[in-house]
Amino acid sequence: MSYDIELLEPISKKVINFDNSHEIKGGTYKVGGTNEAWLNITWNYADHYYKYFGDKGIRTIYGITGAESIPILTEVISKLKDNITDDYWEPTEGNAKQALYGLLAFAQLRPDGIWEGD
């Protein structure tokens, strides 16, 4: 199980496509990069997200703009440990944090976008 989280164009509600390709990777990703503001995040990190985001977990950002999510993501990132491992699937706080950095990058690039997911 995983979260598929997208940053959408505010009018068309289609996934934002950046001018340049990126290689922000999650549980699944496109080899060679993608222009899409989309990230797949493993459910393995859910406990950390519920602990630090609250009752909705990572879904706290769904329906809000990138700009509105920046302080929320930044706050949660500041609370998570830095214990990143080479095993993406290992449910460490550091791995959960690394995924949030990807979402933060999208939000900073397109603060007008609207988060959706699942």
C-alpha atoms as a PDB file:
ATOM      1  CA  MET A   1       0.000   0.000   0.000  1.00  0.00           C
ATOM      2  CA  SER A   2       1.115   3.524  -0.615  1.00  0.00           C
ATOM      3  CA  TYR A   3       0.082   7.119  -1.013  1.00  0.00           C
ATOM      4  CA  ASP A   4       0.066   8.639  -4.503  1.00  0.00           C
ATOM      5  CA  ILE A   5       0.323  12.363  -3.815  1.00  0.00           C
ATOM      6  CA  GLU A   6      -0.021  14.952  -6.572  1.00  0.00           C
ATOM      7  CA  LEU A   7       0.157  18.715  -6.802  1.00  0.00           C
ATOM      8  CA  LEU A   8      -2.588  19.859  -9.170  1.00  0.00           C
ATOM      9  CA  GLU A   9      -3.112  22.898 -11.370  1.00  0.00           C
ATOM     10  CA  PRO A  10      -5.562  25.126  -9.448  1.00  0.00           C
ATOM     11  CA  ILE A  11      -7.938  25.622 -12.417  1.00  0.00           C
ATOM     12  CA  SER A  12      -7.761  22.438 -14.513  1.00  0.00           C
ATOM     13  CA  LYS A  13      -7.092  20.112 -11.543  1.00  0.00           C
ATOM     14  CA  LYS A  14      -4.575  18.208 -13.680  1.00  0.00           C
ATOM     15  CA  VAL A  15      -1.198  17.135 -12.333  1.00  0.00           C
ATOM     16  CA  ILE A  16       1.311  19.957 -12.644  1.00  0.00           C
ATOM     17  CA  ASN A  17       4.063  19.367 -15.188  1.00  0.00           C
ATOM     18  CA  PHE A  18       7.290  21.220 -14.504  1.00  0.00           C
ATOM     19  CA  ASP A  19       9.401  22.667 -17.308  1.00  0.00           C
ATOM     20  CA  ASN A  20      12.316  20.460 -16.280  1.00  0.00           C
ATOM     21  CA  SER A  21      12.492  16.812 -15.326  1.00  0.00           C
ATOM     22  CA  HIS A  22      13.205  15.809 -11.723  1.00  0.00           C
ATOM     23  CA  GLU A  23      14.295  12.591 -10.065  1.00  0.00           C
ATOM     24  CA  ILE A  24      12.457  12.850  -6.759  1.00  0.00           C
ATOM     25  CA  LYS A  25      11.784   9.180  -6.099  1.00  0.00           C
ATOM     26  CA  GLY A  26       9.355   7.300  -3.938  1.00  0.00           C
ATOM     27  CA  GLY A  27       8.176   3.707  -3.756  1.00  0.00           C
ATOM     28  CA  THR A  28       7.476   3.749  -7.468  1.00  0.00           C
ATOM     29  CA  TYR A  29       8.949   6.208  -9.917  1.00  0.00           C
ATOM     30  CA  LYS A  30       9.670   6.773 -13.581  1.00  0.00           C
ATOM     31  CA  VAL A  31      13.151   5.689 -14.619  1.00  0.00           C
ATOM     32  CA  GLY A  32      14.989   8.661 -16.087  1.00  0.00           C
ATOM     33  CA  GLY A  33      12.850  11.179 -14.182  1.00  0.00           C
ATOM     34  CA  THR A  34       9.544  12.906 -14.797  1.00  0.00           C
ATOM     35  CA  ASN A  35       8.113  16.377 -15.144  1.00  0.00           C
ATOM     36  CA  GLU A  36       5.079  15.522 -13.017  1.00  0.00           C
ATOM     37  CA  ALA A  37       4.473  16.882  -9.528  1.00  0.00           C
ATOM     38  CA  TRP A  38       3.708  13.380  -8.290  1.00  0.00           C
ATOM     39  CA  LEU A  39       5.244  11.263  -5.553  1.00  0.00           C
ATOM     40  CA  ASN A  40       4.451   7.735  -4.438  1.00  0.00           C
ATOM     41  CA  ILE A  41       5.176   7.278  -0.726  1.00  0.00           C
ATOM     42  CA  THR A  42       5.078   3.910   1.027  1.00  0.00           C
ATOM     43  CA  TRP A  43       2.452   3.308   3.680  1.00  0.00           C
ATOM     44  CA  ASN A  44       5.324   2.027   5.856  1.00  0.00           C
ATOM     45  CA  TYR A  45       5.876   5.618   7.013  1.00  0.00           C
ATOM     46  CA  ALA A  46       2.252   6.157   8.082  1.00  0.00           C
ATOM     47  CA  ASP A  47       2.874   5.793  11.826  1.00  0.00           C
ATOM     48  CA  HIS A  48       5.380   8.643  11.724  1.00  0.00           C
ATOM     49  CA  TYR A  49       3.010  10.817   9.706  1.00  0.00           C
ATOM     50  CA  TYR A  50       0.112  10.220  12.106  1.00  0.00           C
ATOM     51  CA  LYS A  51       2.423  10.958  15.037  1.00  0.00           C
ATOM     52  CA  TYR A  52       3.609  14.311  13.680  1.00  0.00           C
ATOM     53  CA  PHE A  53       0.812  15.529  11.377  1.00  0.00           C
ATOM     54  CA  GLY A  54      -2.022  14.395  13.658  1.00  0.00           C
ATOM     55  CA  ASP A  55      -5.290  12.521  13.055  1.00  0.00           C
ATOM     56  CA  LYS A  56      -5.203  12.786   9.263  1.00  0.00           C
ATOM     57  CA  GLY A  57      -1.535  11.917   8.906  1.00  0.00           C
ATOM     58  CA  ILE A  58      -0.039  13.036   5.626  1.00  0.00           C
ATOM     59  CA  ARG A  59      -3.566  13.602   4.319  1.00  0.00           C
ATOM     60  CA  THR A  60      -3.464  16.838   6.327  1.00  0.00           C
ATOM     61  CA  ILE A  61      -2.107  18.557   3.208  1.00  0.00           C
ATOM     62  CA  TYR A  62      -4.818  17.244   0.852  1.00  0.00           C
ATOM     63  CA  GLY A  63      -6.984  20.048  -0.497  1.00  0.00           C
ATOM     64  CA  ILE A  64      -4.663  22.888   0.503  1.00  0.00           C
ATOM     65  CA  THR A  65      -2.229  24.855  -1.617  1.00  0.00           C
ATOM     66  CA  GLY A  66       1.474  24.286  -1.865  1.00  0.00           C
ATOM     67  CA  ALA A  67       1.984  27.620  -0.106  1.00  0.00           C
ATOM     68  CA  GLU A  68      -0.281  26.599   2.775  1.00  0.00           C
ATOM     69  CA  SER A  69       1.534  23.281   3.075  1.00  0.00           C
ATOM     70  CA  ILE A  70       5.051  24.705   3.284  1.00  0.00           C
ATOM     71  CA  PRO A  71       4.931  25.621   7.002  1.00  0.00           C
ATOM     72  CA  ILE A  72       3.181  22.335   7.827  1.00  0.00           C
ATOM     73  CA  LEU A  73       5.725  20.231   5.955  1.00  0.00           C
ATOM     74  CA  THR A  74       8.612  22.270   7.367  1.00  0.00           C
ATOM     75  CA  GLU A  75       7.359  21.781  10.927  1.00  0.00           C
ATOM     76  CA  VAL A  76       6.986  18.014  10.553  1.00  0.00           C
ATOM     77  CA  ILE A  77      10.369  17.739   8.821  1.00  0.00           C
ATOM     78  CA  SER A  78      11.967  19.582  11.762  1.00  0.00           C
ATOM     79  CA  LYS A  79      10.578  16.991  14.202  1.00  0.00           C
ATOM     80  CA  LEU A  80      11.622  13.838  12.334  1.00  0.00           C
ATOM     81  CA  LYS A  81      14.979  12.180  12.963  1.00  0.00           C
ATOM     82  CA  ASP A  82      17.722  11.983  10.321  1.00  0.00           C
ATOM     83  CA  ASN A  83      18.119   8.192  10.347  1.00  0.00           C
ATOM     84  CA  ILE A  84      17.877   7.645   6.580  1.00  0.00           C
ATOM     85  CA  THR A  85      18.752   4.146   5.378  1.00  0.00           C
ATOM     86  CA  ASP A  86      19.596   2.677   1.978  1.00  0.00           C
ATOM     87  CA  ASP A  87      16.400   0.603   2.229  1.00  0.00           C
ATOM     88  CA  TYR A  88      13.603   2.941   1.071  1.00  0.00           C
ATOM     89  CA  TRP A  89      10.964   0.603   2.557  1.00  0.00           C
ATOM     90  CA  GLU A  90      12.403   0.643   6.091  1.00  0.00           C
ATOM     91  CA  PRO A  91      10.013   2.713   8.213  1.00  0.00           C
ATOM     92  CA  THR A  92      12.564   5.028   9.819  1.00  0.00           C
ATOM     93  CA  GLU A  93      11.779   8.641  10.615  1.00  0.00           C
ATOM     94  CA  GLY A  94      14.646   9.657   8.348  1.00  0.00           C
ATOM     95  CA  ASN A  95      13.166   7.835   5.369  1.00  0.00           C
ATOM     96  CA  ALA A  96       9.747   9.381   6.084  1.00  0.00           C
ATOM     97  CA  LYS A  97      11.451  12.781   6.314  1.00  0.00           C
ATOM     98  CA  GLN A  98      13.213  12.353   2.986  1.00  0.00           C
ATOM     99  CA  ALA A  99       9.853  11.782   1.256  1.00  0.00           C
ATOM    100  CA  LEU A 100       8.508  14.994   2.785  1.00  0.00           C
ATOM    101  CA  TYR A 101      11.461  16.916   1.371  1.00  0.00           C
ATOM    102  CA  GLY A 102      10.260  15.856  -2.074  1.00  0.00           C
ATOM    103  CA  LEU A 103       6.778  17.211  -1.392  1.00  0.00           C
ATOM    104  CA  LEU A 104       8.267  20.410   0.021  1.00  0.00           C
ATOM    105  CA  ALA A 105      10.289  20.908  -3.172  1.00  0.00           C
ATOM    106  CA  PHE A 106       7.109  20.589  -5.262  1.00  0.00           C
ATOM    107  CA  ALA A 107       5.284  23.065  -3.019  1.00  0.00           C
ATOM    108  CA  GLN A 108       8.124  25.577  -3.297  1.00  0.00           C
ATOM    109  CA  LEU A 109       8.165  25.278  -7.090  1.00  0.00           C
ATOM    110  CA  ARG A 110       4.394  25.672  -7.444  1.00  0.00           C
ATOM    111  CA  PRO A 111       2.910  27.268  -4.326  1.00  0.00           C
ATOM    112  CA  ASP A 112      -0.379  27.812  -6.206  1.00  0.00           C
ATOM    113  CA  GLY A 113      -0.921  24.070  -6.742  1.00  0.00           C
ATOM    114  CA  ILE A 114      -3.491  22.062  -4.782  1.00  0.00           C
ATOM    115  CA  TRP A 115      -2.548  18.800  -3.045  1.00  0.00           C
ATOM    116  CA  GLU A 116      -4.540  15.634  -3.710  1.00  0.00           C
ATOM    117  CA  GLY A 117      -3.764  12.028  -3.101  1.00  0.00           C
ATOM    118  CA  ASP A 118      -4.403   8.422  -2.282  1.00  0.00           C
END
